[in-house]
Amino acid sequence: MLLHPEVAEALDAGRPVVALESTIISHGLPRPDNLRIAREIEDAVRAGGAVPATVAVVDGQARIGLDDAALDRVASDPDVDKVSVRDIAVVAARGGVGATTVASTAHLAARAGIRVFATGGLGGVHRGARDTWDESADLTTLSRTPVLVVCAGVKSILDVGATLERLETLNVGVLGYRTDRFPGFYLRDSGHGLFWTAETPGQVADVLRQQDALNSAGYGLVLANPIGIADELDHELHDRTLHAGLAAAHQAGVTGKDVTPFLLDFFHRETHGASLAANVALVLGNARLAAEVAAAYAS
């Protein structure tokens, strides 16, 4: 792995660092706005008091923290692969360029010694998984990876209830940030409750310290941070678009890892950009909160 000098220096000095995924840049946001938004996400981490470390595979090398040229390439190259943990070695061996998912970002961040990671929405169990067995590798990766993932819950296009059940089975803890309701990405409330909550970044940092002390840091932890009240999508518009998008994906034969980018693009088009605005708002909020948690943990 290649650590950006700023990231390496911060880790050596014990200063807070927040890992960021790159799939949202290459596959989750429309060009050319994605590059600008990627920089805004990094700026949000800095505003929260931490060093941003966007993760990607560039020319076959896993990079923890990207310079301007690498970030531009991930944002602009139409041939960037979507890379989960199982794909890293293949893309690296071929000297390719890959944008990391939640799973692969968490894996590489943990190897680099980064404890806190910010993203938009966690992957999970897909609707109809009883027949398709379609479940994101994010879940099993978190069951053995010592990172805190700050997210706006799981994407509402998934089976939220089944995802929460799987997280429980896999020993991945879930905390609601100032809420006892599990967020639904574009929505503040997915309809599912939470048992544990935290009110401050310091309380979250205390949980991480106890994981360390009790030798349970081999498991991941999810901090569910709901989208702001003013930023969430209209519920009726969300439900109508979701049903139409699922039907369109089925008709088009979209399956596996292509479902999420297909539906995100569908939401963007059908809501005339409202879903994109919500997506950007929640990612920026998660990045800022992750930085505050990382700073509290480092102190």
Protein backbone atom coordinates (compact mmCIF):
# COMPACT_ATOMS: atom_id res chain seq x y z
CA MET A 1 0.00 0.00 0.00
CA LEU A 2 1.03 3.58 -0.58
CA LEU A 3 0.11 6.08 2.12
CA HIS A 4 -0.14 9.73 1.16
CA PRO A 5 2.62 11.62 3.05
CA GLU A 6 0.07 13.70 4.98
CA VAL A 7 -1.80 10.56 6.05
CA ALA A 8 1.38 8.72 7.01
CA GLU A 9 2.61 11.66 9.06
CA ALA A 10 -0.72 11.99 10.88
CA LEU A 11 -0.84 8.28 11.72
CA ASP A 12 2.76 8.30 12.97
CA ALA A 13 1.97 11.28 15.20
CA GLY A 14 -1.29 9.78 16.52
CA ARG A 15 -3.42 12.50 14.96
CA PRO A 16 -6.97 11.77 13.75
CA VAL A 17 -7.46 10.34 10.26
CA VAL A 18 -10.74 9.46 8.53
CA ALA A 19 -10.90 7.01 5.63
CA LEU A 20 -13.22 7.78 2.70
CA GLU A 21 -14.46 5.42 0.02
CA SER A 22 -14.03 6.20 -3.67
CA THR A 23 -16.94 4.29 -5.24
CA ILE A 24 -19.20 7.20 -4.40
CA ILE A 25 -16.91 9.37 -6.54
CA SER A 26 -16.70 7.06 -9.55
CA HIS A 27 -20.09 5.33 -9.51
CA GLY A 28 -22.34 7.25 -7.11
CA LEU A 29 -22.13 10.84 -8.29
CA PRO A 30 -22.54 12.29 -11.81
CA ARG A 31 -19.58 13.74 -13.70
CA PRO A 32 -18.19 16.38 -13.62
CA ASP A 33 -19.70 17.37 -10.27
CA ASN A 34 -18.25 14.27 -8.61
CA LEU A 35 -14.72 15.68 -8.46
CA ARG A 36 -15.86 18.90 -6.83
CA ILE A 37 -17.99 17.00 -4.32
CA ALA A 38 -15.11 14.61 -3.55
CA ARG A 39 -13.00 17.60 -2.56
CA GLU A 40 -15.88 19.01 -0.49
CA ILE A 41 -16.07 15.71 1.40
CA GLU A 42 -12.36 15.89 2.18
CA ASP A 43 -12.83 19.52 3.26
CA ALA A 44 -15.62 18.43 5.63
CA VAL A 45 -13.23 15.98 7.28
CA ARG A 46 -10.65 18.73 7.71
CA ALA A 47 -13.31 21.05 9.15
CA GLY A 48 -14.06 18.37 11.74
CA GLY A 49 -10.42 18.27 12.83
CA ALA A 50 -9.05 15.22 11.01
CA VAL A 51 -6.97 14.31 7.96
CA PRO A 52 -8.95 12.81 5.05
CA ALA A 53 -7.69 9.58 3.48
CA THR A 54 -9.63 8.75 0.31
CA VAL A 55 -8.91 5.13 -0.62
CA ALA A 56 -8.57 3.70 -4.15
CA VAL A 57 -6.45 1.43 -6.32
CA VAL A 58 -4.43 3.43 -8.86
CA ASP A 59 -2.18 1.74 -11.43
CA GLY A 60 -2.34 -1.48 -9.45
CA GLN A 61 -1.41 0.08 -6.13
CA ALA A 62 -3.70 0.46 -3.14
CA ARG A 63 -3.50 4.07 -2.04
CA ILE A 64 -4.54 5.47 1.31
CA GLY A 65 -5.02 9.15 0.61
CA LEU A 66 -5.03 10.52 -2.94
CA ASP A 67 -3.18 13.45 -4.46
CA ASP A 68 -5.03 15.73 -6.89
CA ALA A 69 -4.00 13.75 -9.97
CA ALA A 70 -5.18 10.42 -8.53
CA LEU A 71 -8.46 11.89 -7.28
CA ASP A 72 -9.10 13.42 -10.70
CA ARG A 73 -8.41 10.08 -12.36
CA VAL A 74 -10.82 8.17 -10.12
CA ALA A 75 -13.47 10.81 -10.79
CA SER A 76 -12.93 11.15 -14.55
CA ASP A 77 -11.82 7.78 -15.93
CA PRO A 78 -14.89 5.95 -17.32
CA ASP A 79 -13.12 2.59 -17.00
CA VAL A 80 -12.63 2.68 -13.23
CA ASP A 81 -13.68 -0.66 -11.75
CA LYS A 82 -15.89 -0.98 -8.68
CA VAL A 83 -13.65 -2.92 -6.29
CA SER A 84 -14.70 -4.93 -3.26
CA VAL A 85 -12.28 -6.94 -1.10
CA ARG A 86 -12.31 -9.95 -3.41
CA ASP A 87 -11.42 -7.75 -6.40
CA ILE A 88 -8.43 -5.86 -4.98
CA ALA A 89 -5.81 -8.47 -5.86
CA VAL A 90 -7.12 -8.90 -9.43
CA VAL A 91 -7.16 -5.17 -10.17
CA ALA A 92 -3.73 -4.76 -8.55
CA ALA A 93 -2.23 -7.61 -10.57
CA ARG A 94 -3.53 -6.06 -13.79
CA GLY A 95 -2.22 -2.62 -12.90
CA GLY A 96 -5.75 -1.25 -13.06
CA VAL A 97 -7.69 1.57 -11.45
CA GLY A 98 -10.36 0.66 -8.94
CA ALA A 99 -12.76 2.61 -6.75
CA THR A 100 -13.19 1.01 -3.35
CA THR A 101 -16.54 0.03 -1.84
CA VAL A 102 -17.36 0.19 1.86
CA ALA A 103 -15.95 -3.32 2.31
CA SER A 104 -12.64 -2.75 0.53
CA THR A 105 -12.19 0.71 2.01
CA ALA A 106 -12.72 -0.68 5.51
CA HIS A 107 -10.28 -3.52 4.80
CA LEU A 108 -7.51 -1.27 3.51
CA ALA A 109 -8.12 1.41 6.13
CA ALA A 110 -7.79 -1.13 8.93
CA ARG A 111 -4.54 -2.42 7.44
CA ALA A 112 -3.21 1.13 7.46
CA GLY A 113 -4.23 1.60 11.10
CA ILE A 114 -7.20 3.92 10.48
CA ARG A 115 -10.05 3.34 12.93
CA VAL A 116 -12.78 5.66 11.61
CA PHE A 117 -14.36 5.65 8.16
CA ALA A 118 -17.11 7.83 6.65
CA THR A 119 -19.44 6.90 3.83
CA GLY A 120 -22.95 7.62 2.57
CA GLY A 121 -24.94 4.44 3.09
CA LEU A 122 -23.91 0.96 4.16
CA GLY A 123 -24.52 -1.98 1.83
CA GLY A 124 -26.77 -4.75 3.06
CA VAL A 125 -29.22 -7.50 2.26
CA HIS A 126 -30.99 -6.92 -1.05
CA ARG A 127 -34.72 -7.28 -1.47
CA GLY A 128 -35.55 -10.80 -2.57
CA ALA A 129 -32.32 -12.18 -1.10
CA ARG A 130 -34.19 -15.28 0.07
CA ASP A 131 -34.13 -16.37 -3.57
CA THR A 132 -31.02 -14.62 -4.90
CA TRP A 133 -28.67 -14.75 -1.85
CA ASP A 134 -27.72 -11.20 -2.81
CA GLU A 135 -26.01 -9.65 0.19
CA SER A 136 -23.34 -6.96 0.27
CA ALA A 137 -19.84 -7.98 1.29
CA ASP A 138 -19.90 -4.88 3.52
CA LEU A 139 -21.61 -6.91 6.24
CA THR A 140 -19.25 -9.87 6.48
CA THR A 141 -16.22 -7.60 6.10
CA LEU A 142 -17.35 -5.51 9.07
CA SER A 143 -17.71 -8.69 11.14
CA ARG A 144 -13.91 -9.06 11.09
CA THR A 145 -12.61 -5.53 10.50
CA PRO A 146 -11.87 -3.09 13.36
CA VAL A 147 -13.36 0.10 11.95
CA LEU A 148 -16.16 2.45 12.87
CA VAL A 149 -18.31 3.23 9.83
CA VAL A 150 -20.23 6.50 10.03
CA CYS A 151 -23.15 6.26 7.61
CA ALA A 152 -26.76 7.33 7.08
CA GLY A 153 -27.95 3.79 7.74
CA VAL A 154 -28.30 1.48 4.76
CA LYS A 155 -29.57 2.52 1.37
CA SER A 156 -33.36 2.46 1.37
CA ILE A 157 -33.33 0.37 -1.80
CA LEU A 158 -32.29 -2.60 0.38
CA ASP A 159 -34.09 -4.85 2.86
CA VAL A 160 -33.37 -2.80 5.98
CA GLY A 161 -34.87 -5.21 8.49
CA ALA A 162 -32.93 -8.19 7.14
CA THR A 163 -29.74 -6.11 7.11
CA LEU A 164 -30.13 -5.24 10.80
CA GLU A 165 -30.70 -8.91 11.59
CA ARG A 166 -27.53 -9.86 9.74
CA LEU A 167 -25.51 -7.19 11.54
CA GLU A 168 -26.70 -8.63 14.85
CA THR A 169 -25.77 -12.17 13.81
CA LEU A 170 -22.33 -10.99 12.68
CA ASN A 171 -21.65 -9.19 16.00
CA VAL A 172 -21.45 -5.77 14.35
CA GLY A 173 -22.66 -3.17 16.84
CA VAL A 174 -25.00 -0.39 15.74
CA LEU A 175 -25.28 2.99 17.46
CA GLY A 176 -27.76 5.68 16.52
CA TYR A 177 -26.30 9.18 16.66
CA ARG A 178 -28.80 11.27 18.59
CA THR A 179 -31.60 8.98 17.45
CA ASP A 180 -33.18 5.67 18.44
CA ARG A 181 -34.45 5.10 14.89
CA PHE A 182 -32.32 3.48 12.21
CA PRO A 183 -31.93 5.90 9.27
CA GLY A 184 -32.91 4.97 5.72
CA PHE A 185 -30.32 6.91 3.72
CA TYR A 186 -32.55 9.46 1.95
CA LEU A 187 -34.95 9.26 4.91
CA ARG A 188 -34.31 9.94 8.59
CA ASP A 189 -36.30 6.90 9.72
CA SER A 190 -36.33 3.54 7.95
CA GLY A 191 -39.12 2.27 10.20
CA HIS A 192 -36.77 0.25 12.43
CA GLY A 193 -35.73 1.07 15.97
CA LEU A 194 -32.31 0.98 17.63
CA PHE A 195 -31.36 -0.11 21.15
CA TRP A 196 -28.11 1.85 21.60
CA THR A 197 -27.57 5.56 21.02
CA ALA A 198 -24.80 8.13 21.46
CA GLU A 199 -25.23 11.85 21.97
CA THR A 200 -21.68 13.14 21.41
CA PRO A 201 -18.54 12.23 19.44
CA GLY A 202 -16.85 11.66 22.79
CA GLN A 203 -19.35 8.96 23.74
CA VAL A 204 -18.68 7.17 20.47
CA ALA A 205 -14.93 7.44 21.09
CA ASP A 206 -15.47 5.89 24.53
CA VAL A 207 -17.10 2.87 22.89
CA LEU A 208 -14.09 2.47 20.59
CA ARG A 209 -11.74 2.63 23.59
CA GLN A 210 -13.75 -0.04 25.39
CA GLN A 211 -13.56 -2.23 22.29
CA ASP A 212 -9.80 -1.88 22.47
CA ALA A 213 -9.68 -2.60 26.20
CA LEU A 214 -11.99 -5.62 26.01
CA ASN A 215 -10.19 -7.08 23.00
CA SER A 216 -13.37 -6.90 20.92
CA ALA A 217 -11.89 -4.53 18.35
CA GLY A 218 -11.85 -7.27 15.74
CA TYR A 219 -15.46 -6.39 15.02
CA GLY A 220 -16.73 -3.37 13.16
CA LEU A 221 -19.10 -0.79 14.55
CA VAL A 222 -21.78 1.21 12.72
CA LEU A 223 -22.64 4.76 13.72
CA ALA A 224 -25.97 5.56 12.08
CA ASN A 225 -26.23 9.30 11.52
CA PRO A 226 -29.57 10.40 10.03
CA ILE A 227 -29.74 12.91 7.21
CA GLY A 228 -30.69 16.42 8.33
CA ILE A 229 -34.38 17.26 8.64
CA ALA A 230 -34.18 19.90 5.92
CA ASP A 231 -32.30 17.57 3.57
CA GLU A 232 -34.31 14.35 3.61
CA LEU A 233 -36.30 13.34 0.54
CA ASP A 234 -40.07 13.73 0.48
CA HIS A 235 -41.46 10.39 1.70
CA GLU A 236 -44.12 10.01 -0.99
CA LEU A 237 -41.66 10.87 -3.74
CA HIS A 238 -39.14 8.43 -2.27
CA ASP A 239 -41.57 5.51 -2.11
CA ARG A 240 -42.95 6.12 -5.59
CA THR A 241 -39.46 6.36 -7.10
CA LEU A 242 -38.21 3.30 -5.24
CA HIS A 243 -41.03 1.07 -6.53
CA ALA A 244 -40.56 2.33 -10.08
CA GLY A 245 -36.79 1.88 -9.87
CA LEU A 246 -36.99 -1.69 -8.59
CA ALA A 247 -39.37 -2.55 -11.42
CA ALA A 248 -37.06 -0.91 -13.98
CA ALA A 249 -34.03 -2.81 -12.64
CA HIS A 250 -35.90 -6.11 -12.85
CA GLN A 251 -37.09 -5.41 -16.38
CA ALA A 252 -33.56 -4.45 -17.47
CA GLY A 253 -32.08 -7.60 -15.91
CA VAL A 254 -29.79 -5.62 -13.59
CA THR A 255 -28.36 -7.81 -10.84
CA GLY A 256 -25.54 -8.00 -8.27
CA LYS A 257 -23.24 -5.06 -7.72
CA ASP A 258 -24.82 -3.18 -10.65
CA VAL A 259 -28.15 -2.76 -8.84
CA THR A 260 -27.07 0.04 -6.49
CA PRO A 261 -25.56 2.40 -9.11
CA PHE A 262 -28.53 1.69 -11.41
CA LEU A 263 -31.05 2.66 -8.73
CA LEU A 264 -29.06 5.69 -7.56
CA ASP A 265 -28.99 6.96 -11.13
CA PHE A 266 -32.70 6.21 -11.49
CA PHE A 267 -33.44 8.19 -8.34
CA HIS A 268 -31.35 11.10 -9.60
CA ARG A 269 -33.22 11.28 -12.89
CA GLU A 270 -36.72 10.67 -11.57
CA THR A 271 -36.45 13.09 -8.65
CA HIS A 272 -34.87 15.75 -10.89
CA GLY A 273 -31.77 15.95 -8.74
CA ALA A 274 -33.45 15.99 -5.31
CA SER A 275 -31.96 12.61 -4.38
CA LEU A 276 -28.49 13.78 -5.43
CA ALA A 277 -28.78 16.84 -3.20
CA ALA A 278 -29.83 14.58 -0.32
CA ASN A 279 -26.96 12.19 -1.05
CA VAL A 280 -24.38 14.98 -0.98
CA ALA A 281 -25.82 16.49 2.20
CA LEU A 282 -25.74 13.23 4.13
CA VAL A 283 -22.21 12.34 3.00
CA LEU A 284 -20.89 15.73 4.06
CA GLY A 285 -22.61 15.37 7.43
CA ASN A 286 -21.14 11.90 7.93
CA ALA A 287 -17.65 13.10 7.00
CA ARG A 288 -17.80 15.94 9.51
CA LEU A 289 -19.11 13.67 12.28
CA ALA A 290 -16.51 10.99 11.54
CA ALA A 291 -13.77 13.59 11.88
CA GLU A 292 -15.14 14.73 15.23
CA VAL A 293 -15.26 11.14 16.49
CA ALA A 294 -11.74 10.46 15.22
CA ALA A 295 -10.48 13.60 16.95
CA ALA A 296 -12.14 12.57 20.22
CA TYR A 297 -10.69 9.07 19.93
CA ALA A 298 -7.18 10.37 19.18
CA SER A 299 -7.25 12.67 22.19
